[in-house]
Amino acid sequence: MLLSGIREYLKTQIDCPQYYLNKMGGSQDKSITIYNAPGQVPHIAIGGLENTTYTTKSISFLIHWGKNSDEAEKKAMEVYNLFFGQSNFTIGDKKIIQCKMRSSEPIYLGTDSEGIIEYIIDTTIYYER
């Protein structure tokens, strides 16, 4: 599973003027950046790789969303709720088994040097191999 596939899925679900992968670019006041995140040790079933039915992808979403606190929090919650507790859907050609959030809500990071409000959301996606 690639970040670009996750970005394409997000584009169909979340209204956002700009998406970035692994590095925030430009000077957009409103954007979502998707990062690869440190994850778990790879899961391999007893019996080897041929018996392993799933794997994981750990990602972080940086919600960089204007100077209005209420709007920024709402956008962060929109992204969070898209994945929280979700299962049995597809991203590209990958069947998602489950999404596990690594916090109980988006984490407020404060503001950047331009006063833009930022939140981070960490999740691990379990998907079929």
Protein backbone atom coordinates (compact mmCIF):
# COMPACT_ATOMS: atom_id res chain seq x y z
CA MET A 1 0.00 0.00 0.00
CA LEU A 2 1.41 3.36 -1.03
CA LEU A 3 0.75 6.83 0.36
CA SER A 4 -0.37 7.91 -3.11
CA GLY A 5 -3.22 5.37 -2.94
CA ILE A 6 -4.27 6.69 0.46
CA ARG A 7 -4.17 10.24 -0.92
CA GLU A 8 -6.39 9.26 -3.87
CA TYR A 9 -8.88 7.65 -1.46
CA LEU A 10 -8.86 10.75 0.76
CA LYS A 11 -9.54 12.98 -2.23
CA THR A 12 -12.83 11.13 -2.78
CA GLN A 13 -13.87 11.51 0.88
CA ILE A 14 -12.47 14.78 2.28
CA ASP A 15 -12.70 18.24 0.71
CA CYS A 16 -9.22 19.77 0.80
CA PRO A 17 -7.49 22.25 -1.55
CA GLN A 18 -4.07 20.55 -1.37
CA TYR A 19 -2.64 17.15 -0.39
CA TYR A 20 1.04 16.40 0.13
CA LEU A 21 3.02 13.19 0.67
CA ASN A 22 5.86 12.96 3.25
CA LYS A 23 6.68 16.66 2.96
CA MET A 24 4.52 19.72 3.23
CA GLY A 25 5.05 22.03 0.29
CA GLY A 26 3.87 25.41 -0.90
CA SER A 27 2.20 28.00 1.25
CA GLN A 28 -1.37 26.73 1.39
CA ASP A 29 -3.35 27.81 4.46
CA LYS A 30 -5.33 24.57 4.24
CA SER A 31 -3.72 21.25 3.41
CA ILE A 32 -3.39 17.64 4.50
CA THR A 33 -0.01 15.92 4.43
CA ILE A 34 0.22 12.13 4.66
CA TYR A 35 3.39 10.66 6.14
CA ASN A 36 4.79 7.18 6.53
CA ALA A 37 5.05 6.59 10.27
CA PRO A 38 7.04 4.14 12.35
CA GLY A 39 4.95 1.02 12.66
CA GLN A 40 4.88 -2.40 14.14
CA VAL A 41 7.25 -5.25 13.49
CA PRO A 42 6.02 -7.01 10.32
CA HIS A 43 3.53 -9.77 11.04
CA ILE A 44 4.39 -13.19 9.61
CA ALA A 45 2.16 -16.13 10.45
CA ILE A 46 3.47 -19.43 11.76
CA GLY A 47 4.02 -21.40 8.59
CA GLY A 48 5.67 -18.53 6.76
CA LEU A 49 4.82 -15.72 4.41
CA GLU A 50 2.56 -17.86 2.21
CA ASN A 51 0.27 -18.34 5.25
CA THR A 52 0.25 -14.65 6.19
CA THR A 53 -3.06 -13.10 5.18
CA TYR A 54 -2.58 -9.48 6.25
CA THR A 55 -0.01 -6.75 6.75
CA THR A 56 -0.02 -3.20 8.10
CA LYS A 57 0.70 0.37 7.04
CA SER A 58 1.29 3.00 9.72
CA ILE A 59 0.61 6.56 8.66
CA SER A 60 0.23 10.05 10.07
CA PHE A 61 -1.99 12.83 8.75
CA LEU A 62 -0.93 16.42 9.35
CA ILE A 63 -4.00 18.65 9.21
CA HIS A 64 -2.78 22.19 8.45
CA TRP A 65 -5.99 24.20 8.50
CA GLY A 66 -6.24 27.98 8.66
CA LYS A 67 -6.40 30.27 11.66
CA ASN A 68 -9.93 29.48 12.85
CA SER A 69 -9.68 27.01 15.72
CA ASP A 70 -13.21 25.62 15.29
CA GLU A 71 -12.76 24.98 11.55
CA ALA A 72 -9.37 23.33 12.09
CA GLU A 73 -10.70 21.02 14.79
CA LYS A 74 -13.73 20.09 12.66
CA LYS A 75 -11.49 19.20 9.70
CA ALA A 76 -9.21 17.12 11.93
CA MET A 77 -12.23 15.26 13.33
CA GLU A 78 -13.54 14.67 9.80
CA VAL A 79 -10.30 12.92 8.83
CA TYR A 80 -10.14 11.05 12.16
CA ASN A 81 -13.71 9.77 11.83
CA LEU A 82 -13.08 8.59 8.27
CA PHE A 83 -10.74 5.93 9.68
CA PHE A 84 -11.79 5.46 13.32
CA GLY A 85 -13.32 2.01 13.83
CA GLN A 86 -13.69 1.44 10.10
CA SER A 87 -13.28 -1.97 8.48
CA ASN A 88 -14.21 -3.86 5.33
CA PHE A 89 -13.63 -1.15 2.72
CA THR A 90 -11.05 -0.69 -0.01
CA ILE A 91 -8.30 1.76 -0.73
CA GLY A 92 -7.25 1.28 -4.34
CA ASP A 93 -6.97 -2.48 -4.80
CA LYS A 94 -6.35 -3.21 -1.10
CA LYS A 95 -9.11 -4.59 1.13
CA ILE A 96 -8.92 -2.90 4.51
CA ILE A 97 -9.49 -5.23 7.45
CA GLN A 98 -9.33 -2.65 10.22
CA CYS A 99 -7.99 0.79 11.15
CA LYS A 100 -6.54 1.29 14.62
CA MET A 101 -6.08 4.83 15.81
CA ARG A 102 -3.09 5.49 18.07
CA SER A 103 -4.87 8.20 20.08
CA SER A 104 -8.43 8.83 21.20
CA GLU A 105 -8.70 11.99 19.06
CA PRO A 106 -6.61 14.19 16.77
CA ILE A 107 -3.65 15.67 18.63
CA TYR A 108 -3.40 19.45 18.64
CA LEU A 109 0.12 20.57 17.72
CA GLY A 110 -0.39 24.32 18.04
CA THR A 111 0.37 26.72 15.20
CA ASP A 112 3.15 26.97 12.68
CA SER A 113 5.30 30.10 12.17
CA GLU A 114 2.49 31.69 10.12
CA GLY A 115 -0.18 31.05 12.77
CA ILE A 116 -1.81 28.16 10.90
CA ILE A 117 -3.40 25.61 13.25
CA GLU A 118 -2.13 22.02 13.02
CA TYR A 119 -3.36 18.64 14.21
CA ILE A 120 -1.77 15.19 13.80
CA ILE A 121 -3.64 11.90 13.43
CA ASP A 122 -1.80 8.58 13.71
CA THR A 123 -3.30 5.30 12.56
CA THR A 124 -2.32 1.78 11.55
CA ILE A 125 -4.19 0.26 8.64
CA TYR A 126 -4.50 -3.54 8.59
CA TYR A 127 -5.07 -4.83 5.05
CA GLU A 128 -5.13 -8.08 3.11
CA ARG A 129 -1.93 -9.12 1.37
